[in-house]
Protein backbone atom coordinates (compact mmCIF):
# COMPACT_ATOMS: atom_id res chain seq x y z
CA MET A 1 162.83 131.97 -86.95
CA ILE A 2 162.94 133.23 -83.44
CA ALA A 3 161.27 136.05 -81.59
CA LEU A 4 163.62 137.80 -79.22
CA GLN A 5 162.25 139.63 -76.26
CA ASP A 6 164.08 141.28 -73.43
CA ILE A 7 167.41 139.69 -74.25
CA PRO A 8 170.23 141.30 -72.29
CA TYR A 9 173.49 141.15 -74.17
CA ARG A 10 176.65 141.40 -72.11
CA ASP A 11 180.19 141.02 -73.35
CA THR A 12 179.04 139.44 -76.56
CA GLY A 13 180.79 141.40 -79.26
CA ALA A 14 177.34 141.14 -80.78
CA PRO A 15 175.91 144.04 -82.78
CA TYR A 16 173.66 145.28 -80.00
CA ASN A 17 173.27 145.30 -76.27
CA HIS A 18 170.14 145.08 -74.15
CA VAL A 19 167.95 144.52 -77.19
CA SER A 20 164.31 143.66 -76.77
CA LYS A 21 161.31 143.45 -79.03
CA MET A 22 162.92 143.25 -82.46
CA ILE A 23 161.19 142.95 -85.81
CA ALA A 24 162.56 141.39 -88.97
CA LEU A 25 161.09 140.96 -92.41
CA GLN A 26 162.67 139.21 -95.36
CA ASP A 27 162.07 138.66 -99.06
CA ILE A 28 162.56 142.30 -100.00
CA PRO A 29 163.64 142.71 -103.65
CA TYR A 30 165.90 145.73 -103.98
CA ARG A 31 167.24 146.96 -107.34
CA ASP A 32 170.42 148.86 -108.24
CA THR A 33 171.40 149.92 -104.77
CA GLY A 34 174.30 147.72 -103.88
CA ALA A 35 172.33 147.53 -100.64
CA SER A 36 169.56 145.10 -99.87
CA TYR A 37 166.81 147.50 -100.92
CA SER A 38 166.00 150.15 -103.51
CA HIS A 39 164.01 153.40 -103.64
CA VAL A 40 165.43 154.27 -100.23
CA SER A 41 165.58 157.78 -98.89
CA LYS A 42 167.52 159.02 -95.88
CA MET A 43 169.75 155.96 -95.67
CA ILE A 44 172.69 155.82 -93.28
CA ALA A 45 175.34 153.10 -93.31
CA LEU A 46 177.06 152.57 -89.99
CA GLN A 47 180.07 150.34 -89.56
CA HIS A 48 181.92 149.45 -86.41
CA ILE A 49 180.05 152.13 -84.49
CA PRO A 50 180.16 151.81 -80.72
CA TYR A 51 176.92 153.12 -79.24
CA ARG A 52 177.09 154.58 -75.76
CA ASP A 53 174.23 156.38 -74.05
CA THR A 54 172.45 156.80 -77.35
CA GLY A 55 169.04 155.47 -76.48
CA ALA A 56 169.52 153.39 -79.62
CA PRO A 57 168.36 149.79 -79.53
CA TYR A 58 171.88 148.42 -79.53
CA SER A 59 175.47 149.20 -78.59
CA HIS A 60 178.80 148.02 -79.99
CA VAL A 61 177.26 147.64 -83.43
CA SER A 62 179.26 146.41 -86.38
CA LYS A 63 178.09 146.21 -89.99
CA VAL A 64 174.72 147.86 -89.45
CA ILE A 65 172.59 149.80 -91.88
CA ALA A 66 170.06 152.12 -90.26
CA LEU A 67 167.20 153.42 -92.38
CA GLN A 68 164.69 156.00 -91.33
CA ASP A 69 161.61 157.28 -93.11
CA ILE A 70 161.87 154.87 -96.02
CA PRO A 71 158.90 155.01 -98.38
CA TYR A 72 158.56 151.82 -100.43
CA ARG A 73 157.13 152.26 -103.91
CA ASP A 74 156.98 149.63 -106.60
CA THR A 75 159.32 147.37 -104.70
CA GLY A 76 157.29 144.22 -104.55
CA ALA A 77 158.23 144.24 -100.90
CA PRO A 78 155.66 143.00 -98.39
CA TYR A 79 155.09 146.42 -96.90
CA SER A 80 155.21 150.13 -97.68
CA HIS A 81 155.75 153.25 -95.61
CA VAL A 82 158.41 151.55 -93.52
CA SER A 83 160.40 153.54 -91.01
CA LYS A 84 163.19 152.67 -88.65
CA MET A 85 164.63 149.69 -90.48
CA ILE A 86 167.91 148.15 -89.35
CA GLU A 87 169.79 145.50 -91.23
CA LEU A 88 172.46 143.35 -89.64
CA HIS A 89 174.66 141.05 -91.68
CA ASP A 90 177.09 138.35 -90.69
CA ILE A 91 176.63 138.63 -86.95
CA PRO A 92 178.41 135.86 -85.07
CA TYR A 93 176.90 135.21 -81.67
CA ARG A 94 179.17 133.65 -79.11
CA ASP A 95 178.38 133.04 -75.47
CA THR A 96 175.45 135.40 -75.53
CA GLY A 97 172.77 133.30 -73.92
CA ALA A 98 170.70 134.43 -76.87
CA PRO A 99 168.35 131.92 -78.46
CA TYR A 100 170.60 131.37 -81.46
CA ASN A 101 174.22 131.35 -82.49
CA HIS A 102 176.03 132.04 -85.78
CA VAL A 103 173.21 134.21 -87.15
CA SER A 104 173.66 135.96 -90.46
CA LYS A 105 171.49 138.07 -92.74
CA MET A 106 169.13 139.45 -90.13
CA ILE A 107 166.80 142.37 -90.83
CA VAL A 108 165.30 144.25 -87.92
CA LEU A 109 162.32 146.53 -88.16
CA GLN A 110 160.92 148.52 -85.29
CA ASP A 111 157.69 150.46 -84.95
CA ILE A 112 156.45 149.76 -88.46
CA PRO A 113 152.90 150.97 -89.07
CA TYR A 114 151.27 149.15 -91.98
CA ARG A 115 148.64 151.07 -93.92
CA ASP A 116 147.12 149.98 -97.19
CA THR A 117 150.02 147.71 -97.94
CA GLY A 118 148.28 144.58 -99.04
CA ALA A 119 150.58 142.84 -96.59
CA PRO A 120 149.12 140.00 -94.52
CA TYR A 121 148.87 142.16 -91.44
CA ASN A 122 148.51 145.76 -90.39
CA HIS A 123 149.93 147.63 -87.40
CA VAL A 124 152.31 144.76 -86.67
CA SER A 125 154.95 145.02 -84.00
CA LYS A 126 157.44 142.65 -82.45
CA MET A 127 157.98 140.38 -85.45
CA ILE A 128 161.21 138.52 -86.17
CA ALA A 129 161.98 136.68 -89.39
CA LEU A 130 165.21 134.74 -89.80
CA GLN A 131 166.16 132.81 -92.90
CA HIS A 132 168.83 130.24 -93.63
CA ILE A 133 170.05 130.15 -90.04
CA PRO A 134 171.97 126.99 -89.19
CA TYR A 135 171.58 126.21 -85.52
CA ARG A 136 174.19 124.07 -83.85
CA ASP A 137 174.38 123.44 -80.12
CA THR A 138 172.63 126.69 -79.34
CA GLY A 139 170.17 125.60 -76.68
CA ALA A 140 167.61 127.37 -78.84
CA PRO A 141 164.11 125.88 -79.05
CA TYR A 142 165.06 124.20 -82.32
CA SER A 143 168.13 123.23 -84.28
CA HIS A 144 169.04 122.95 -87.97
CA GLU A 145 166.29 125.33 -88.93
CA ASN A 146 165.54 127.17 -92.17
CA LYS A 147 163.01 129.78 -93.19
CA MET A 148 161.11 130.16 -89.95
CA ILE A 149 158.88 133.12 -89.08
CA VAL A 150 157.71 133.83 -85.57
CA LEU A 151 155.21 136.42 -84.46
CA GLN A 152 154.69 137.14 -80.80
CA ASP A 153 152.28 139.40 -78.99
CA ILE A 154 150.78 140.91 -82.13
CA PRO A 155 147.50 142.69 -81.46
CA TYR A 156 145.39 142.87 -84.62
CA ARG A 157 142.63 145.45 -84.80
CA ASP A 158 140.61 146.28 -87.87
CA THR A 159 143.28 144.86 -90.11
CA GLY A 160 141.30 142.75 -92.51
CA ALA A 161 143.83 140.10 -91.54
CA PRO A 162 142.66 136.56 -90.92
CA TYR A 163 142.52 137.04 -87.18
CA SER A 164 142.32 139.77 -84.59
CA HIS A 165 144.01 140.13 -81.25
CA ALA A 166 146.33 137.26 -82.21
CA SER A 167 149.47 136.44 -80.31
CA LYS A 168 152.17 133.85 -80.66
CA MET A 169 151.81 132.94 -84.32
CA ILE A 170 154.40 130.72 -85.97
CA ALA A 171 154.96 129.94 -89.65
CA LEU A 172 157.58 127.31 -90.38
CA GLN A 173 158.95 126.32 -93.75
CA ASP A 174 161.07 123.26 -94.44
CA THR A 175 162.03 123.03 -90.79
CA PRO A 176 163.09 119.60 -89.58
CA TYR A 177 162.62 119.36 -85.84
CA ARG A 178 164.52 116.77 -83.88
CA ASP A 179 164.54 116.54 -80.11
CA THR A 180 163.75 120.19 -79.74
CA GLY A 181 161.14 120.29 -77.01
CA VAL A 182 159.24 122.81 -79.13
CA PRO A 183 155.46 122.45 -79.29
CA TYR A 184 155.79 120.26 -82.37
CA SER A 185 158.44 118.07 -83.90
CA HIS A 186 159.29 116.72 -87.34
CA VAL A 187 157.54 119.57 -89.15
CA ILE A 188 157.99 119.70 -92.90
CA LYS A 189 156.46 121.37 -95.90
CA MET A 190 154.80 124.32 -94.26
CA ILE A 191 153.20 126.87 -96.57
CA VAL A 192 151.90 130.37 -96.02
CA LEU A 193 148.68 130.97 -97.92
CA GLN A 194 146.91 134.27 -98.47
CA ASP A 195 143.33 135.08 -99.39
CA ILE A 196 142.09 131.57 -98.70
CA PRO A 197 138.33 131.25 -98.26
CA TYR A 198 137.59 128.23 -96.08
CA ARG A 199 134.19 126.54 -96.28
CA ASP A 200 133.19 123.28 -94.65
CA THR A 201 136.74 122.46 -93.68
CA GLY A 202 136.26 121.28 -90.15
CA ALA A 203 138.91 123.84 -89.31
CA PRO A 204 138.38 126.07 -86.29
CA TYR A 205 137.17 128.86 -88.55
CA SER A 206 135.68 129.38 -91.99
CA HIS A 207 135.70 132.11 -94.62
CA VAL A 208 139.20 133.07 -93.62
CA SER A 209 141.49 135.14 -95.79
CA LYS A 210 145.18 135.73 -95.45
CA MET A 211 145.85 132.71 -93.31
CA ILE A 212 148.86 130.61 -92.52
CA ALA A 213 148.48 126.96 -93.42
CA LEU A 214 150.51 124.01 -92.25
CA GLN A 215 150.62 120.86 -94.31
CA ASP A 216 151.81 117.35 -93.56
CA ILE A 217 152.68 118.09 -89.95
CA PRO A 218 152.82 114.97 -87.80
CA TYR A 219 152.39 115.84 -84.16
CA ARG A 220 153.52 113.34 -81.58
CA ASP A 221 153.62 113.92 -77.85
CA THR A 222 153.94 117.64 -78.30
CA GLY A 223 151.57 119.04 -75.74
CA ALA A 224 150.41 121.24 -78.61
CA PRO A 225 146.70 121.99 -78.94
CA TYR A 226 146.41 119.09 -81.38
CA SER A 227 148.26 115.89 -82.17
CA HIS A 228 148.65 113.74 -85.27
CA VAL A 229 147.48 116.66 -87.38
CA SER A 230 147.93 116.66 -91.13
CA LYS A 231 146.99 119.45 -93.52
CA MET A 232 146.02 121.89 -90.85
CA ILE A 233 145.71 125.64 -90.65
CA ALA A 234 147.26 127.23 -87.58
CA LEU A 235 147.04 130.77 -86.32
């Protein structure tokens, strides 16, 4: 998963132009909609819609679904009271200078206030989640990646989350890293845990709930804040 920030798109045929600070969430079960969500109100499907001088976050958009004011109830989704949700599907990136290429099944959320959602964070902005994204010769910080979640510049305040004022948080799942130059390599079997009280763990914190845990992560020559770490919890 990759966090995109201030990425100018020019002559890309991509679904948006001059996009910065995107948010994506996945694992949203939707029922009986034909769309990727259910219990949606005020839903607009846009297809092959060129945006010009719209103030919208993208231009030259194809295959986009824009949702506004979407209350989530009984969805099992990770959040409720979501507004301004955009879903992009089957978006080929070519010669964009963007951090990935051949991206499909991307969900973008912007300005999503979380209140009483039971989600692992509250008042989250600037989050991007990509799943099942094969990377090939992209110049991105990793290649051949699956199920990666990246959070960047996320201020937490009074959230009950496991940390506050946290920035640059990364959760990786089943992501083999090879010659990537990312802060770690050869990462496998990463798990996100919630409501985990830690006591006498030697970890940098204790009595933490709603944390992200990394397991079996060999670090070698990474320049990361730790090396040769196994069964670690990273925030």
